[in-house]
Amino acid sequence: MNKERTELNKELKIIEIRCKKCNKLMMNYYLSGDDSMIALQNIGIKCDRCKRVMILKKYTEGIMKEQSESSSFRI
């Protein structure tokens, strides 16, 4: 099932945003295609499992693509 999900994410250009500590899926981000566009600026995301709170600042789609491993971005 994970292989099918990864292939689907590559087709639709989806990046999964996951917690770096506990690897819990927090949200899916759908790419627009503009690598210089700032994505999710000043958005706070809380992990329900480990109680971390992350505030995204100055993350562009290009940075998210470069740092993602098999369409999952860990913050």
PDB file of N, CA and C in Angstrom:
ATOM      1  N   MET A   1       0.818  -1.190   0.000  1.00  0.00           N
ATOM      2  CA  MET A   1       0.000   0.000   0.000  1.00  0.00           C
ATOM      3  C   MET A   1       0.863   1.256   0.000  1.00  0.00           C
ATOM      4  N   ASN A   2       1.988   1.240   0.706  1.00  0.00           N
ATOM      5  CA  ASN A   2       2.859   2.410   0.742  1.00  0.00           C
ATOM      6  C   ASN A   2       3.450   2.703  -0.621  1.00  0.00           C
ATOM      7  N   LYS A   3       3.756   1.649  -1.390  1.00  0.00           N
ATOM      8  CA  LYS A   3       4.306   1.854  -2.727  1.00  0.00           C
ATOM      9  C   LYS A   3       3.275   2.534  -3.617  1.00  0.00           C
ATOM     10  N   GLU A   4       2.014   2.098  -3.535  1.00  0.00           N
ATOM     11  CA  GLU A   4       0.952   2.713  -4.316  1.00  0.00           C
ATOM     12  C   GLU A   4       0.744   4.164  -3.913  1.00  0.00           C
ATOM     13  N   ARG A   5       0.825   4.428  -2.621  1.00  0.00           N
ATOM     14  CA  ARG A   5       0.638   5.794  -2.121  1.00  0.00           C
ATOM     15  C   ARG A   5       1.765   6.704  -2.595  1.00  0.00           C
ATOM     16  N   THR A   6       3.003   6.190  -2.600  1.00  0.00           N
ATOM     17  CA  THR A   6       4.141   6.976  -3.060  1.00  0.00           C
ATOM     18  C   THR A   6       4.004   7.298  -4.537  1.00  0.00           C
ATOM     19  N   GLU A   7       3.583   6.327  -5.336  1.00  0.00           N
ATOM     20  CA  GLU A   7       3.389   6.571  -6.761  1.00  0.00           C
ATOM     21  C   GLU A   7       2.283   7.597  -6.993  1.00  0.00           C
ATOM     22  N   LEU A   8       1.210   7.515  -6.210  1.00  0.00           N
ATOM     23  CA  LEU A   8       0.115   8.477  -6.331  1.00  0.00           C
ATOM     24  C   LEU A   8       0.591   9.878  -5.954  1.00  0.00           C
ATOM     25  N   ASN A   9       1.415   9.987  -4.910  1.00  0.00           N
ATOM     26  CA  ASN A   9       1.940  11.287  -4.490  1.00  0.00           C
ATOM     27  C   ASN A   9       2.826  11.893  -5.565  1.00  0.00           C
ATOM     28  N   LYS A  10       3.600  11.086  -6.266  1.00  0.00           N
ATOM     29  CA  LYS A  10       4.455  11.608  -7.329  1.00  0.00           C
ATOM     30  C   LYS A  10       3.628  12.092  -8.507  1.00  0.00           C
ATOM     31  N   GLU A  11       2.536  11.385  -8.816  1.00  0.00           N
ATOM     32  CA  GLU A  11       1.676  11.796  -9.921  1.00  0.00           C
ATOM     33  C   GLU A  11       0.963  13.111  -9.622  1.00  0.00           C
ATOM     34  N   LEU A  12       0.402  13.235  -8.428  1.00  0.00           N
ATOM     35  CA  LEU A  12      -0.375  14.425  -8.082  1.00  0.00           C
ATOM     36  C   LEU A  12       0.495  15.546  -7.522  1.00  0.00           C
ATOM     37  N   LYS A  13       1.768  15.263  -7.318  1.00  0.00           N
ATOM     38  CA  LYS A  13       2.705  16.234  -6.768  1.00  0.00           C
ATOM     39  C   LYS A  13       2.272  16.690  -5.378  1.00  0.00           C
ATOM     40  N   ILE A  14       2.224  15.710  -4.474  1.00  0.00           N
ATOM     41  CA  ILE A  14       1.866  15.947  -3.089  1.00  0.00           C
ATOM     42  C   ILE A  14       3.089  15.716  -2.220  1.00  0.00           C
ATOM     43  N   ILE A  15       3.313  16.606  -1.254  1.00  0.00           N
ATOM     44  CA  ILE A  15       4.370  16.415  -0.272  1.00  0.00           C
ATOM     45  C   ILE A  15       3.709  16.218   1.085  1.00  0.00           C
ATOM     46  N   GLU A  16       4.070  15.121   1.746  1.00  0.00           N
ATOM     47  CA  GLU A  16       3.560  14.858   3.088  1.00  0.00           C
ATOM     48  C   GLU A  16       4.432  15.601   4.083  1.00  0.00           C
ATOM     49  N   ILE A  17       3.833  16.364   4.979  1.00  0.00           N
ATOM     50  CA  ILE A  17       4.574  17.050   6.027  1.00  0.00           C
ATOM     51  C   ILE A  17       4.449  16.217   7.288  1.00  0.00           C
ATOM     52  N   ARG A  18       5.595  15.753   7.772  1.00  0.00           N
ATOM     53  CA  ARG A  18       5.640  14.851   8.917  1.00  0.00           C
ATOM     54  C   ARG A  18       6.475  15.446  10.040  1.00  0.00           C
ATOM     55  N   CYS A  19       6.223  14.975  11.266  1.00  0.00           N
ATOM     56  CA  CYS A  19       6.994  15.392  12.434  1.00  0.00           C
ATOM     57  C   CYS A  19       8.362  14.717  12.391  1.00  0.00           C
ATOM     58  N   LYS A  20       9.406  15.484  12.659  1.00  0.00           N
ATOM     59  CA  LYS A  20      10.761  14.941  12.629  1.00  0.00           C
ATOM     60  C   LYS A  20      11.019  13.994  13.794  1.00  0.00           C
ATOM     61  N   LYS A  21      10.388  14.247  14.936  1.00  0.00           N
ATOM     62  CA  LYS A  21      10.607  13.433  16.126  1.00  0.00           C
ATOM     63  C   LYS A  21       9.899  12.081  16.067  1.00  0.00           C
ATOM     64  N   CYS A  22       8.603  12.101  15.786  1.00  0.00           N
ATOM     65  CA  CYS A  22       7.811  10.868  15.886  1.00  0.00           C
ATOM     66  C   CYS A  22       7.296  10.352  14.542  1.00  0.00           C
ATOM     67  N   ASN A  23       7.555  11.063  13.452  1.00  0.00           N
ATOM     68  CA  ASN A  23       7.194  10.654  12.086  1.00  0.00           C
ATOM     69  C   ASN A  23       5.683  10.583  11.854  1.00  0.00           C
ATOM     70  N   LYS A  24       4.903  11.332  12.597  1.00  0.00           N
ATOM     71  CA  LYS A  24       3.448  11.348  12.412  1.00  0.00           C
ATOM     72  C   LYS A  24       3.095  12.284  11.256  1.00  0.00           C
ATOM     73  N   LEU A  25       2.186  11.844  10.417  1.00  0.00           N
ATOM     74  CA  LEU A  25       1.716  12.668   9.310  1.00  0.00           C
ATOM     75  C   LEU A  25       0.860  13.799   9.859  1.00  0.00           C
ATOM     76  N   MET A  26       1.266  15.046   9.565  1.00  0.00           N
ATOM     77  CA  MET A  26       0.517  16.199  10.052  1.00  0.00           C
ATOM     78  C   MET A  26      -0.390  16.790   8.986  1.00  0.00           C
ATOM     79  N   MET A  27       0.102  16.840   7.748  1.00  0.00           N
ATOM     80  CA  MET A  27      -0.731  17.372   6.667  1.00  0.00           C
ATOM     81  C   MET A  27      -0.113  17.027   5.320  1.00  0.00           C
ATOM     82  N   ASN A  28      -0.910  17.128   4.269  1.00  0.00           N
ATOM     83  CA  ASN A  28      -0.448  16.989   2.897  1.00  0.00           C
ATOM     84  C   ASN A  28      -0.417  18.368   2.267  1.00  0.00           C
ATOM     85  N   TYR A  29       0.624  18.622   1.463  1.00  0.00           N
ATOM     86  CA  TYR A  29       0.748  19.892   0.753  1.00  0.00           C
ATOM     87  C   TYR A  29       0.743  19.602  -0.738  1.00  0.00           C
ATOM     88  N   TYR A  30      -0.151  20.220  -1.475  1.00  0.00           N
ATOM     89  CA  TYR A  30      -0.256  20.043  -2.912  1.00  0.00           C
ATOM     90  C   TYR A  30       0.574  21.127  -3.597  1.00  0.00           C
ATOM     91  N   LEU A  31       1.542  20.715  -4.401  1.00  0.00           N
ATOM     92  CA  LEU A  31       2.451  21.646  -5.067  1.00  0.00           C
ATOM     93  C   LEU A  31       1.742  22.405  -6.183  1.00  0.00           C
ATOM     94  N   SER A  32       2.105  23.681  -6.323  1.00  0.00           N
ATOM     95  CA  SER A  32       1.511  24.493  -7.377  1.00  0.00           C
ATOM     96  C   SER A  32       2.402  24.548  -8.615  1.00  0.00           C
ATOM     97  N   GLY A  33       3.696  24.295  -8.444  1.00  0.00           N
ATOM     98  CA  GLY A  33       4.602  24.299  -9.580  1.00  0.00           C
ATOM     99  C   GLY A  33       5.575  25.467  -9.589  1.00  0.00           C
ATOM    100  N   ASP A  34       5.356  26.481  -8.763  1.00  0.00           N
ATOM    101  CA  ASP A  34       6.238  27.638  -8.676  1.00  0.00           C
ATOM    102  C   ASP A  34       7.226  27.410  -7.527  1.00  0.00           C
ATOM    103  N   ASP A  35       8.498  27.124  -7.870  1.00  0.00           N
ATOM    104  CA  ASP A  35       9.491  26.794  -6.842  1.00  0.00           C
ATOM    105  C   ASP A  35       9.912  27.980  -5.980  1.00  0.00           C
ATOM    106  N   SER A  36       9.698  29.195  -6.437  1.00  0.00           N
ATOM    107  CA  SER A  36      10.116  30.358  -5.660  1.00  0.00           C
ATOM    108  C   SER A  36       9.010  30.902  -4.755  1.00  0.00           C
ATOM    109  N   MET A  37       7.811  30.318  -4.839  1.00  0.00           N
ATOM    110  CA  MET A  37       6.693  30.791  -4.032  1.00  0.00           C
ATOM    111  C   MET A  37       6.840  30.320  -2.583  1.00  0.00           C
ATOM    112  N   ILE A  38       6.635  31.241  -1.643  1.00  0.00           N
ATOM    113  CA  ILE A  38       6.689  30.892  -0.228  1.00  0.00           C
ATOM    114  C   ILE A  38       5.422  30.122   0.129  1.00  0.00           C
ATOM    115  N   ALA A  39       5.619  28.956   0.734  1.00  0.00           N
ATOM    116  CA  ALA A  39       4.489  28.068   1.041  1.00  0.00           C
ATOM    117  C   ALA A  39       4.223  28.056   2.540  1.00  0.00           C
ATOM    118  N   LEU A  40       2.973  28.128   2.916  1.00  0.00           N
ATOM    119  CA  LEU A  40       2.537  27.999   4.308  1.00  0.00           C
ATOM    120  C   LEU A  40       3.245  28.977   5.239  1.00  0.00           C
ATOM    121  N   GLN A  41       3.292  30.231   4.887  1.00  0.00           N
ATOM    122  CA  GLN A  41       3.971  31.237   5.707  1.00  0.00           C
ATOM    123  C   GLN A  41       3.159  31.545   6.957  1.00  0.00           C
ATOM    124  N   ASN A  42       3.837  31.527   8.105  1.00  0.00           N
ATOM    125  CA  ASN A  42       3.264  31.833   9.419  1.00  0.00           C
ATOM    126  C   ASN A  42       2.104  30.907   9.797  1.00  0.00           C
ATOM    127  N   ILE A  43       2.218  29.661   9.406  1.00  0.00           N
ATOM    128  CA  ILE A  43       1.236  28.648   9.777  1.00  0.00           C
ATOM    129  C   ILE A  43       1.820  27.830  10.921  1.00  0.00           C
ATOM    130  N   GLY A  44       1.058  27.648  11.979  1.00  0.00           N
ATOM    131  CA  GLY A  44       1.499  26.822  13.101  1.00  0.00           C
ATOM    132  C   GLY A  44       0.881  25.441  13.003  1.00  0.00           C
ATOM    133  N   ILE A  45       1.717  24.411  13.147  1.00  0.00           N
ATOM    134  CA  ILE A  45       1.254  23.032  13.080  1.00  0.00           C
ATOM    135  C   ILE A  45       1.656  22.346  14.378  1.00  0.00           C
ATOM    136  N   LYS A  46       0.691  21.691  15.010  1.00  0.00           N
ATOM    137  CA  LYS A  46       0.970  21.000  16.264  1.00  0.00           C
ATOM    138  C   LYS A  46       0.891  19.496  16.040  1.00  0.00           C
ATOM    139  N   CYS A  47       1.890  18.791  16.552  1.00  0.00           N
ATOM    140  CA  CYS A  47       1.893  17.335  16.486  1.00  0.00           C
ATOM    141  C   CYS A  47       1.108  16.814  17.691  1.00  0.00           C
ATOM    142  N   ASP A  48       0.106  16.000  17.424  1.00  0.00           N
ATOM    143  CA  ASP A  48      -0.733  15.478  18.498  1.00  0.00           C
ATOM    144  C   ASP A  48      -0.024  14.414  19.327  1.00  0.00           C
ATOM    145  N   ARG A  49       0.923  13.742  18.718  1.00  0.00           N
ATOM    146  CA  ARG A  49       1.584  12.645  19.413  1.00  0.00           C
ATOM    147  C   ARG A  49       2.662  13.130  20.380  1.00  0.00           C
ATOM    148  N   CYS A  50       3.585  13.975  19.921  1.00  0.00           N
ATOM    149  CA  CYS A  50       4.701  14.394  20.785  1.00  0.00           C
ATOM    150  C   CYS A  50       4.568  15.831  21.291  1.00  0.00           C
ATOM    151  N   LYS A  51       3.491  16.530  20.915  1.00  0.00           N
ATOM    152  CA  LYS A  51       3.148  17.873  21.414  1.00  0.00           C
ATOM    153  C   LYS A  51       4.097  18.982  20.961  1.00  0.00           C
ATOM    154  N   ARG A  52       4.852  18.753  19.884  1.00  0.00           N
ATOM    155  CA  ARG A  52       5.693  19.813  19.329  1.00  0.00           C
ATOM    156  C   ARG A  52       4.824  20.780  18.538  1.00  0.00           C
ATOM    157  N   VAL A  53       5.209  22.039  18.539  1.00  0.00           N
ATOM    158  CA  VAL A  53       4.524  23.054  17.731  1.00  0.00           C
ATOM    159  C   VAL A  53       5.559  23.664  16.796  1.00  0.00           C
ATOM    160  N   MET A  54       5.281  23.617  15.503  1.00  0.00           N
ATOM    161  CA  MET A  54       6.180  24.165  14.496  1.00  0.00           C
ATOM    162  C   MET A  54       5.491  25.323  13.791  1.00  0.00           C
ATOM    163  N   ILE A  55       6.218  26.407  13.603  1.00  0.00           N
ATOM    164  CA  ILE A  55       5.719  27.548  12.842  1.00  0.00           C
ATOM    165  C   ILE A  55       6.595  27.665  11.605  1.00  0.00           C
ATOM    166  N   LEU A  56       5.980  27.545  10.449  1.00  0.00           N
ATOM    167  CA  LEU A  56       6.717  27.551   9.192  1.00  0.00           C
ATOM    168  C   LEU A  56       6.958  28.981   8.737  1.00  0.00           C
ATOM    169  N   LYS A  57       8.213  29.306   8.493  1.00  0.00           N
ATOM    170  CA  LYS A  57       8.582  30.628   8.001  1.00  0.00           C
ATOM    171  C   LYS A  57       9.600  30.470   6.877  1.00  0.00           C
ATOM    172  N   LYS A  58       9.381  31.180   5.808  1.00  0.00           N
ATOM    173  CA  LYS A  58      10.295  31.252   4.671  1.00  0.00           C
ATOM    174  C   LYS A  58      10.602  29.897   4.038  1.00  0.00           C
ATOM    175  N   TYR A  59       9.654  28.982   4.025  1.00  0.00           N
ATOM    176  CA  TYR A  59       9.813  27.727   3.304  1.00  0.00           C
ATOM    177  C   TYR A  59       9.217  27.898   1.920  1.00  0.00           C
ATOM    178  N   THR A  60      10.040  27.742   0.893  1.00  0.00           N
ATOM    179  CA  THR A  60       9.536  27.795  -0.474  1.00  0.00           C
ATOM    180  C   THR A  60       9.270  26.373  -0.956  1.00  0.00           C
ATOM    181  N   GLU A  61       8.544  26.268  -2.051  1.00  0.00           N
ATOM    182  CA  GLU A  61       8.270  24.944  -2.602  1.00  0.00           C
ATOM    183  C   GLU A  61       9.549  24.277  -3.077  1.00  0.00           C
ATOM    184  N   GLY A  62      10.501  25.055  -3.569  1.00  0.00           N
ATOM    185  CA  GLY A  62      11.782  24.495  -4.000  1.00  0.00           C
ATOM    186  C   GLY A  62      12.546  23.875  -2.849  1.00  0.00           C
ATOM    187  N   ILE A  63      12.556  24.539  -1.694  1.00  0.00           N
ATOM    188  CA  ILE A  63      13.227  24.005  -0.509  1.00  0.00           C
ATOM    189  C   ILE A  63      12.535  22.729  -0.056  1.00  0.00           C
ATOM    190  N   MET A  64      11.214  22.725  -0.083  1.00  0.00           N
ATOM    191  CA  MET A  64      10.472  21.541   0.339  1.00  0.00           C
ATOM    192  C   MET A  64      10.749  20.362  -0.591  1.00  0.00           C
ATOM    193  N   LYS A  65      10.864  20.620  -1.896  1.00  0.00           N
ATOM    194  CA  LYS A  65      11.168  19.558  -2.855  1.00  0.00           C
ATOM    195  C   LYS A  65      12.569  18.997  -2.632  1.00  0.00           C
ATOM    196  N   GLU A  66      13.545  19.894  -2.415  1.00  0.00           N
ATOM    197  CA  GLU A  66      14.931  19.463  -2.239  1.00  0.00           C
ATOM    198  C   GLU A  66      15.121  18.636  -0.975  1.00  0.00           C
ATOM    199  N   GLN A  67      14.482  19.031   0.101  1.00  0.00           N
ATOM    200  CA  GLN A  67      14.688  18.374   1.384  1.00  0.00           C
ATOM    201  C   GLN A  67      13.753  17.190   1.610  1.00  0.00           C
ATOM    202  N   SER A  68      12.829  16.933   0.700  1.00  0.00           N
ATOM    203  CA  SER A  68      11.900  15.823   0.904  1.00  0.00           C
ATOM    204  C   SER A  68      12.554  14.515   0.463  1.00  0.00           C
ATOM    205  N   GLU A  69      12.241  13.456   1.187  1.00  0.00           N
ATOM    206  CA  GLU A  69      12.704  12.116   0.851  1.00  0.00           C
ATOM    207  C   GLU A  69      11.490  11.281   0.505  1.00  0.00           C
ATOM    208  N   SER A  70      11.434  10.807  -0.710  1.00  0.00           N
ATOM    209  CA  SER A  70      10.304  10.025  -1.224  1.00  0.00           C
ATOM    210  C   SER A  70       8.957  10.698  -0.905  1.00  0.00           C
ATOM    211  N   SER A  71       8.880  11.957  -1.261  1.00  0.00           N
ATOM    212  CA  SER A  71       7.693  12.819  -1.132  1.00  0.00           C
ATOM    213  C   SER A  71       7.211  13.000   0.307  1.00  0.00           C
ATOM    214  N   SER A  72       8.116  12.942   1.288  1.00  0.00           N
ATOM    215  CA  SER A  72       7.745  13.290   2.657  1.00  0.00           C
ATOM    216  C   SER A  72       8.776  14.268   3.208  1.00  0.00           C
ATOM    217  N   PHE A  73       8.289  15.364   3.746  1.00  0.00           N
ATOM    218  CA  PHE A  73       9.110  16.454   4.268  1.00  0.00           C
ATOM    219  C   PHE A  73       8.977  16.464   5.782  1.00  0.00           C
ATOM    220  N   ARG A  74      10.105  16.320   6.472  1.00  0.00           N
ATOM    221  CA  ARG A  74      10.076  16.259   7.934  1.00  0.00           C
ATOM    222  C   ARG A  74      10.525  17.584   8.536  1.00  0.00           C
ATOM    223  N   ILE A  75       9.681  18.116   9.427  1.00  0.00           N
ATOM    224  CA  ILE A  75      10.028  19.355  10.119  1.00  0.00           C
ATOM    225  C   ILE A  75       9.984  19.136  11.604  1.00  0.00           C
TER     226      ILE A  75
END
